[in-house]
């Protein structure tokens, strides 16, 4: 694996962790954002239709966080 690929994978892993933490905060029972009505649970999911399949990368939009972490581990960077 090249250094650039390792760096990109590290960045993706860090971003996934930050998003996971943000998701936990937003959906917490005592979340002030939910109580204030600033966060809606059933909001639309953004999509980017490029028409080109990413080679070897699974669609993570419907994955659980544990599955995403397993996928990152199999890519070679902890």
PDB file of N, CA and C in Angstrom:
ATOM      1  N   UNK A   1       0.855  -1.178   0.000  1.00  0.00           N
ATOM      2  CA  UNK A   1       0.000   0.000   0.000  1.00  0.00           C
ATOM      3  C   UNK A   1       0.898   1.236   0.000  1.00  0.00           C
ATOM      4  N   UNK A   2       0.566   2.190  -0.827  1.00  0.00           N
ATOM      5  CA  UNK A   2       1.391   3.384  -0.919  1.00  0.00           C
ATOM      6  C   UNK A   2       1.133   4.301   0.261  1.00  0.00           C
ATOM      7  N   UNK A   3       2.071   5.189   0.487  1.00  0.00           N
ATOM      8  CA  UNK A   3       1.966   6.135   1.592  1.00  0.00           C
ATOM      9  C   UNK A   3       0.730   7.013   1.450  1.00  0.00           C
ATOM     10  N   UNK A   4       0.415   7.427   0.210  1.00  0.00           N
ATOM     11  CA  UNK A   4      -0.748   8.279  -0.017  1.00  0.00           C
ATOM     12  C   UNK A   4      -2.038   7.533   0.330  1.00  0.00           C
ATOM     13  N   UNK A   5      -2.138   6.251  -0.057  1.00  0.00           N
ATOM     14  CA  UNK A   5      -3.319   5.453   0.272  1.00  0.00           C
ATOM     15  C   UNK A   5      -3.456   5.283   1.781  1.00  0.00           C
ATOM     16  N   UNK A   6      -2.342   5.063   2.454  1.00  0.00           N
ATOM     17  CA  UNK A   6      -2.380   4.925   3.911  1.00  0.00           C
ATOM     18  C   UNK A   6      -2.847   6.223   4.557  1.00  0.00           C
ATOM     19  N   UNK A   7      -2.366   7.356   4.040  1.00  0.00           N
ATOM     20  CA  UNK A   7      -2.779   8.650   4.580  1.00  0.00           C
ATOM     21  C   UNK A   7      -4.266   8.889   4.352  1.00  0.00           C
ATOM     22  N   UNK A   8      -4.743   8.575   3.161  1.00  0.00           N
ATOM     23  CA  UNK A   8      -6.165   8.744   2.859  1.00  0.00           C
ATOM     24  C   UNK A   8      -7.032   7.847   3.733  1.00  0.00           C
ATOM     25  N   UNK A   9      -6.605   6.604   3.940  1.00  0.00           N
ATOM     26  CA  UNK A   9      -7.354   5.691   4.785  1.00  0.00           C
ATOM     27  C   UNK A   9      -7.380   6.175   6.229  1.00  0.00           C
ATOM     28  N   UNK A  10      -6.282   6.731   6.704  1.00  0.00           N
ATOM     29  CA  UNK A  10      -6.229   7.292   8.053  1.00  0.00           C
ATOM     30  C   UNK A  10      -7.192   8.461   8.187  1.00  0.00           C
ATOM     31  N   UNK A  11      -7.245   9.303   7.172  1.00  0.00           N
ATOM     32  CA  UNK A  11      -8.161  10.450   7.189  1.00  0.00           C
ATOM     33  C   UNK A  11      -9.613   9.970   7.190  1.00  0.00           C
ATOM     34  N   UNK A  12      -9.934   8.997   6.350  1.00  0.00           N
ATOM     35  CA  UNK A  12     -11.295   8.465   6.291  1.00  0.00           C
ATOM     36  C   UNK A  12     -11.678   7.848   7.631  1.00  0.00           C
ATOM     37  N   UNK A  13     -10.752   7.120   8.254  1.00  0.00           N
ATOM     38  CA  UNK A  13     -11.033   6.500   9.542  1.00  0.00           C
ATOM     39  C   UNK A  13     -11.293   7.573  10.601  1.00  0.00           C
ATOM     40  N   UNK A  14     -10.500   8.635  10.615  1.00  0.00           N
ATOM     41  CA  UNK A  14     -10.692   9.714  11.592  1.00  0.00           C
ATOM     42  C   UNK A  14     -12.032  10.411  11.374  1.00  0.00           C
ATOM     43  N   UNK A  15     -12.387  10.652  10.116  1.00  0.00           N
ATOM     44  CA  UNK A  15     -13.673  11.285   9.820  1.00  0.00           C
ATOM     45  C   UNK A  15     -14.840  10.394  10.232  1.00  0.00           C
ATOM     46  N   UNK A  16     -14.727   9.097   9.975  1.00  0.00           N
ATOM     47  CA  UNK A  16     -15.784   8.162  10.369  1.00  0.00           C
ATOM     48  C   UNK A  16     -15.968   8.156  11.881  1.00  0.00           C
ATOM     49  N   UNK A  17     -14.861   8.210  12.614  1.00  0.00           N
ATOM     50  CA  UNK A  17     -14.934   8.239  14.077  1.00  0.00           C
ATOM     51  C   UNK A  17     -15.603   9.524  14.564  1.00  0.00           C
ATOM     52  N   UNK A  18     -15.263  10.653  13.962  1.00  0.00           N
ATOM     53  CA  UNK A  18     -15.881  11.926  14.343  1.00  0.00           C
ATOM     54  C   UNK A  18     -17.377  11.923  14.051  1.00  0.00           C
ATOM     55  N   UNK A  19     -17.764  11.380  12.899  1.00  0.00           N
ATOM     56  CA  UNK A  19     -19.181  11.308  12.539  1.00  0.00           C
ATOM     57  C   UNK A  19     -19.922  10.382  13.498  1.00  0.00           C
ATOM     58  N   UNK A  20     -19.292   9.271  13.860  1.00  0.00           N
ATOM     59  CA  UNK A  20     -19.915   8.336  14.795  1.00  0.00           C
ATOM     60  C   UNK A  20     -20.145   9.006  16.151  1.00  0.00           C
ATOM     61  N   UNK A  21     -19.166   9.750  16.630  1.00  0.00           N
ATOM     62  CA  UNK A  21     -19.317  10.462  17.898  1.00  0.00           C
ATOM     63  C   UNK A  21     -20.405  11.526  17.813  1.00  0.00           C
ATOM     64  N   UNK A  22     -20.460  12.239  16.703  1.00  0.00           N
ATOM     65  CA  UNK A  22     -21.497  13.252  16.498  1.00  0.00           C
ATOM     66  C   UNK A  22     -22.877  12.600  16.467  1.00  0.00           C
ATOM     67  N   UNK A  23     -22.981  11.458  15.795  1.00  0.00           N
ATOM     68  CA  UNK A  23     -24.251  10.737  15.729  1.00  0.00           C
ATOM     69  C   UNK A  23     -24.704  10.307  17.118  1.00  0.00           C
ATOM     70  N   UNK A  24     -23.769   9.811  17.935  1.00  0.00           N
ATOM     71  CA  UNK A  24     -24.104   9.422  19.307  1.00  0.00           C
ATOM     72  C   UNK A  24     -24.621  10.621  20.097  1.00  0.00           C
ATOM     73  N   UNK A  25     -23.980  11.775  19.923  1.00  0.00           N
ATOM     74  CA  UNK A  25     -24.385  12.982  20.627  1.00  0.00           C
ATOM     75  C   UNK A  25     -25.772  13.433  20.189  1.00  0.00           C
ATOM     76  N   UNK A  26     -26.012  13.419  18.904  1.00  0.00           N
ATOM     77  CA  UNK A  26     -27.303  13.890  18.383  1.00  0.00           C
ATOM     78  C   UNK A  26     -28.449  12.995  18.831  1.00  0.00           C
ATOM     79  N   UNK A  27     -28.252  11.689  18.792  1.00  0.00           N
ATOM     80  CA  UNK A  27     -29.340  10.765  19.108  1.00  0.00           C
ATOM     81  C   UNK A  27     -29.421  10.393  20.588  1.00  0.00           C
ATOM     82  N   UNK A  28     -28.610  11.016  21.438  1.00  0.00           N
ATOM     83  CA  UNK A  28     -28.671  10.748  22.873  1.00  0.00           C
ATOM     84  C   UNK A  28     -30.041  11.151  23.409  1.00  0.00           C
ATOM     85  N   UNK A  29     -30.537  10.398  24.398  1.00  0.00           N
ATOM     86  CA  UNK A  29     -31.852  10.667  24.963  1.00  0.00           C
ATOM     87  C   UNK A  29     -31.982  12.078  25.511  1.00  0.00           C
ATOM     88  N   UNK A  30     -30.924  12.560  26.132  1.00  0.00           N
ATOM     89  CA  UNK A  30     -30.980  13.872  26.776  1.00  0.00           C
ATOM     90  C   UNK A  30     -30.380  14.972  25.903  1.00  0.00           C
ATOM     91  N   UNK A  31     -30.318  14.738  24.607  1.00  0.00           N
ATOM     92  CA  UNK A  31     -29.717  15.696  23.688  1.00  0.00           C
ATOM     93  C   UNK A  31     -30.530  16.988  23.635  1.00  0.00           C
ATOM     94  N   UNK A  32     -29.856  18.089  23.883  1.00  0.00           N
ATOM     95  CA  UNK A  32     -30.513  19.396  23.814  1.00  0.00           C
ATOM     96  C   UNK A  32     -30.910  19.738  22.385  1.00  0.00           C
ATOM     97  N   UNK A  33     -30.148  19.255  21.406  1.00  0.00           N
ATOM     98  CA  UNK A  33     -30.485  19.509  20.006  1.00  0.00           C
ATOM     99  C   UNK A  33     -31.820  18.873  19.643  1.00  0.00           C
ATOM    100  N   UNK A  34     -32.057  17.651  20.115  1.00  0.00           N
ATOM    101  CA  UNK A  34     -33.320  16.972  19.834  1.00  0.00           C
ATOM    102  C   UNK A  34     -34.465  17.670  20.555  1.00  0.00           C
ATOM    103  N   UNK A  35     -34.237  18.037  21.825  1.00  0.00           N
ATOM    104  CA  UNK A  35     -35.282  18.685  22.618  1.00  0.00           C
ATOM    105  C   UNK A  35     -35.663  20.036  22.029  1.00  0.00           C
ATOM    106  N   UNK A  36     -34.703  20.730  21.449  1.00  0.00           N
ATOM    107  CA  UNK A  36     -34.972  22.046  20.876  1.00  0.00           C
ATOM    108  C   UNK A  36     -35.601  21.945  19.490  1.00  0.00           C
ATOM    109  N   UNK A  37     -35.659  20.746  18.943  1.00  0.00           N
ATOM    110  CA  UNK A  37     -36.255  20.563  17.624  1.00  0.00           C
ATOM    111  C   UNK A  37     -35.315  20.923  16.488  1.00  0.00           C
ATOM    112  N   UNK A  38     -34.033  21.065  16.784  1.00  0.00           N
ATOM    113  CA  UNK A  38     -33.063  21.404  15.749  1.00  0.00           C
ATOM    114  C   UNK A  38     -32.616  20.188  14.948  1.00  0.00           C
ATOM    115  N   UNK A  39     -32.854  18.990  15.494  1.00  0.00           N
ATOM    116  CA  UNK A  39     -32.472  17.763  14.819  1.00  0.00           C
ATOM    117  C   UNK A  39     -33.727  16.925  14.617  1.00  0.00           C
ATOM    118  N   UNK A  40     -33.939  16.480  13.401  1.00  0.00           N
ATOM    119  CA  UNK A  40     -35.080  15.636  13.081  1.00  0.00           C
ATOM    120  C   UNK A  40     -34.547  14.250  12.759  1.00  0.00           C
ATOM    121  N   UNK A  41     -35.119  13.237  13.383  1.00  0.00           N
ATOM    122  CA  UNK A  41     -34.618  11.875  13.219  1.00  0.00           C
ATOM    123  C   UNK A  41     -34.818  11.367  11.795  1.00  0.00           C
ATOM    124  N   UNK A  42     -35.911  11.718  11.159  1.00  0.00           N
ATOM    125  CA  UNK A  42     -36.224  11.196   9.840  1.00  0.00           C
ATOM    126  C   UNK A  42     -35.881  12.182   8.724  1.00  0.00           C
ATOM    127  N   UNK A  43     -34.726  12.786   8.820  1.00  0.00           N
ATOM    128  CA  UNK A  43     -34.320  13.735   7.784  1.00  0.00           C
ATOM    129  C   UNK A  43     -33.855  12.986   6.541  1.00  0.00           C
ATOM    130  N   UNK A  44     -33.907  13.619   5.366  1.00  0.00           N
ATOM    131  CA  UNK A  44     -33.470  12.942   4.142  1.00  0.00           C
ATOM    132  C   UNK A  44     -31.976  12.655   4.150  1.00  0.00           C
ATOM    133  N   UNK A  45     -31.599  11.592   3.486  1.00  0.00           N
ATOM    134  CA  UNK A  45     -30.194  11.202   3.396  1.00  0.00           C
ATOM    135  C   UNK A  45     -29.607  11.757   2.105  1.00  0.00           C
ATOM    136  N   UNK A  46     -28.522  12.525   2.202  1.00  0.00           N
ATOM    137  CA  UNK A  46     -27.915  13.060   0.983  1.00  0.00           C
ATOM    138  C   UNK A  46     -27.301  11.947   0.131  1.00  0.00           C
ATOM    139  N   UNK A  47     -27.373  12.102  -1.167  1.00  0.00           N
ATOM    140  CA  UNK A  47     -26.792  11.127  -2.091  1.00  0.00           C
ATOM    141  C   UNK A  47     -26.044  11.865  -3.182  1.00  0.00           C
ATOM    142  N   UNK A  48     -24.999  11.218  -3.659  1.00  0.00           N
ATOM    143  CA  UNK A  48     -24.251  11.773  -4.762  1.00  0.00           C
ATOM    144  C   UNK A  48     -24.266  10.732  -5.880  1.00  0.00           C
ATOM    145  N   UNK A  49     -24.944  11.036  -6.948  1.00  0.00           N
ATOM    146  CA  UNK A  49     -25.049  10.106  -8.068  1.00  0.00           C
ATOM    147  C   UNK A  49     -23.995  10.466  -9.108  1.00  0.00           C
ATOM    148  N   UNK A  50     -22.907   9.733  -9.085  1.00  0.00           N
ATOM    149  CA  UNK A  50     -21.828  10.016 -10.021  1.00  0.00           C
ATOM    150  C   UNK A  50     -21.914   9.160 -11.272  1.00  0.00           C
ATOM    151  N   UNK A  51     -22.644   8.053 -11.181  1.00  0.00           N
ATOM    152  CA  UNK A  51     -22.762   7.168 -12.331  1.00  0.00           C
ATOM    153  C   UNK A  51     -21.586   6.225 -12.475  1.00  0.00           C
ATOM    154  N   UNK A  52     -20.575   6.386 -11.658  1.00  0.00           N
ATOM    155  CA  UNK A  52     -19.384   5.544 -11.725  1.00  0.00           C
ATOM    156  C   UNK A  52     -19.249   4.787 -10.410  1.00  0.00           C
ATOM    157  N   UNK A  53     -19.146   3.478 -10.502  1.00  0.00           N
ATOM    158  CA  UNK A  53     -18.964   2.656  -9.318  1.00  0.00           C
ATOM    159  C   UNK A  53     -17.546   2.813  -8.777  1.00  0.00           C
ATOM    160  N   UNK A  54     -17.418   2.985  -7.479  1.00  0.00           N
ATOM    161  CA  UNK A  54     -16.088   3.033  -6.864  1.00  0.00           C
ATOM    162  C   UNK A  54     -15.525   1.616  -6.869  1.00  0.00           C
ATOM    163  N   UNK A  55     -14.301   1.467  -7.248  1.00  0.00           N
ATOM    164  CA  UNK A  55     -13.727   0.130  -7.363  1.00  0.00           C
ATOM    165  C   UNK A  55     -13.360  -0.434  -5.998  1.00  0.00           C
ATOM    166  N   UNK A  56     -14.009  -1.528  -5.630  1.00  0.00           N
ATOM    167  CA  UNK A  56     -13.680  -2.238  -4.411  1.00  0.00           C
ATOM    168  C   UNK A  56     -14.161  -1.591  -3.128  1.00  0.00           C
ATOM    169  N   UNK A  57     -14.934  -0.533  -3.185  1.00  0.00           N
ATOM    170  CA  UNK A  57     -15.404   0.131  -1.975  1.00  0.00           C
ATOM    171  C   UNK A  57     -16.898  -0.123  -1.845  1.00  0.00           C
ATOM    172  N   UNK A  58     -17.285  -0.653  -0.694  1.00  0.00           N
ATOM    173  CA  UNK A  58     -18.689  -0.971  -0.459  1.00  0.00           C
ATOM    174  C   UNK A  58     -19.494   0.301  -0.198  1.00  0.00           C
ATOM    175  N   UNK A  59     -20.798   0.212  -0.432  1.00  0.00           N
ATOM    176  CA  UNK A  59     -21.704   1.321  -0.135  1.00  0.00           C
ATOM    177  C   UNK A  59     -21.927   1.349   1.376  1.00  0.00           C
ATOM    178  N   UNK A  60     -21.444   2.373   2.042  1.00  0.00           N
ATOM    179  CA  UNK A  60     -21.509   2.446   3.501  1.00  0.00           C
ATOM    180  C   UNK A  60     -22.772   3.123   4.008  1.00  0.00           C
ATOM    181  N   UNK A  61     -23.642   3.564   3.115  1.00  0.00           N
ATOM    182  CA  UNK A  61     -24.811   4.326   3.546  1.00  0.00           C
ATOM    183  C   UNK A  61     -25.768   3.509   4.415  1.00  0.00           C
ATOM    184  N   UNK A  62     -25.800   2.201   4.262  1.00  0.00           N
ATOM    185  CA  UNK A  62     -26.720   1.390   5.062  1.00  0.00           C
ATOM    186  C   UNK A  62     -25.982   0.466   6.039  1.00  0.00           C
ATOM    187  N   UNK A  63     -24.685   0.702   6.245  1.00  0.00           N
ATOM    188  CA  UNK A  63     -23.896  -0.143   7.142  1.00  0.00           C
ATOM    189  C   UNK A  63     -23.994   0.344   8.592  1.00  0.00           C
ATOM    190  N   UNK A  64     -23.818  -0.584   9.510  1.00  0.00           N
ATOM    191  CA  UNK A  64     -23.669  -0.245  10.922  1.00  0.00           C
ATOM    192  C   UNK A  64     -22.218   0.182  11.141  1.00  0.00           C
ATOM    193  N   UNK A  65     -21.985   0.929  12.222  1.00  0.00           N
ATOM    194  CA  UNK A  65     -20.622   1.402  12.488  1.00  0.00           C
ATOM    195  C   UNK A  65     -19.651   0.244  12.681  1.00  0.00           C
ATOM    196  N   UNK A  66     -20.102  -0.852  13.288  1.00  0.00           N
ATOM    197  CA  UNK A  66     -19.207  -2.004  13.488  1.00  0.00           C
ATOM    198  C   UNK A  66     -18.749  -2.575  12.145  1.00  0.00           C
ATOM    199  N   UNK A  67     -19.659  -2.584  11.157  1.00  0.00           N
ATOM    200  CA  UNK A  67     -19.294  -3.072   9.822  1.00  0.00           C
ATOM    201  C   UNK A  67     -18.279  -2.146   9.149  1.00  0.00           C
ATOM    202  N   UNK A  68     -18.452  -0.841   9.339  1.00  0.00           N
ATOM    203  CA  UNK A  68     -17.518   0.126   8.760  1.00  0.00           C
ATOM    204  C   UNK A  68     -16.136  -0.039   9.377  1.00  0.00           C
ATOM    205  N   UNK A  69     -16.090  -0.241  10.707  1.00  0.00           N
ATOM    206  CA  UNK A  69     -14.793  -0.442  11.370  1.00  0.00           C
ATOM    207  C   UNK A  69     -14.121  -1.722  10.873  1.00  0.00           C
ATOM    208  N   UNK A  70     -14.894  -2.797  10.666  1.00  0.00           N
ATOM    209  CA  UNK A  70     -14.326  -4.046  10.137  1.00  0.00           C
ATOM    210  C   UNK A  70     -13.758  -3.822   8.741  1.00  0.00           C
ATOM    211  N   UNK A  71     -14.497  -3.083   7.913  1.00  0.00           N
ATOM    212  CA  UNK A  71     -14.046  -2.819   6.545  1.00  0.00           C
ATOM    213  C   UNK A  71     -12.737  -2.029   6.550  1.00  0.00           C
ATOM    214  N   UNK A  72     -12.628  -1.040   7.434  1.00  0.00           N
ATOM    215  CA  UNK A  72     -11.406  -0.244   7.518  1.00  0.00           C
ATOM    216  C   UNK A  72     -10.234  -1.115   7.964  1.00  0.00           C
ATOM    217  N   UNK A  73     -10.489  -2.010   8.927  1.00  0.00           N
ATOM    218  CA  UNK A  73      -9.425  -2.924   9.391  1.00  0.00           C
ATOM    219  C   UNK A  73      -8.926  -3.821   8.270  1.00  0.00           C
ATOM    220  N   UNK A  74      -9.850  -4.282   7.409  1.00  0.00           N
ATOM    221  CA  UNK A  74      -9.429  -5.169   6.318  1.00  0.00           C
ATOM    222  C   UNK A  74      -8.648  -4.412   5.251  1.00  0.00           C
ATOM    223  N   UNK A  75      -8.775  -3.077   5.229  1.00  0.00           N
ATOM    224  CA  UNK A  75      -8.026  -2.288   4.256  1.00  0.00           C
ATOM    225  C   UNK A  75      -6.576  -2.102   4.681  1.00  0.00           C
ATOM    226  N   UNK A  76      -6.257  -2.440   5.922  1.00  0.00           N
ATOM    227  CA  UNK A  76      -4.864  -2.472   6.308  1.00  0.00           C
ATOM    228  C   UNK A  76      -4.379  -1.413   7.261  1.00  0.00           C
ATOM    229  N   UNK A  77      -5.211  -0.513   7.732  1.00  0.00           N
ATOM    230  CA  UNK A  77      -4.756   0.514   8.674  1.00  0.00           C
ATOM    231  C   UNK A  77      -5.648   0.450   9.890  1.00  0.00           C
ATOM    232  N   UNK A  78      -5.029   0.400  11.053  1.00  0.00           N
ATOM    233  CA  UNK A  78      -5.779   0.369  12.326  1.00  0.00           C
ATOM    234  C   UNK A  78      -6.020   1.759  12.807  1.00  0.00           C
TER     235      UNK A  78
END
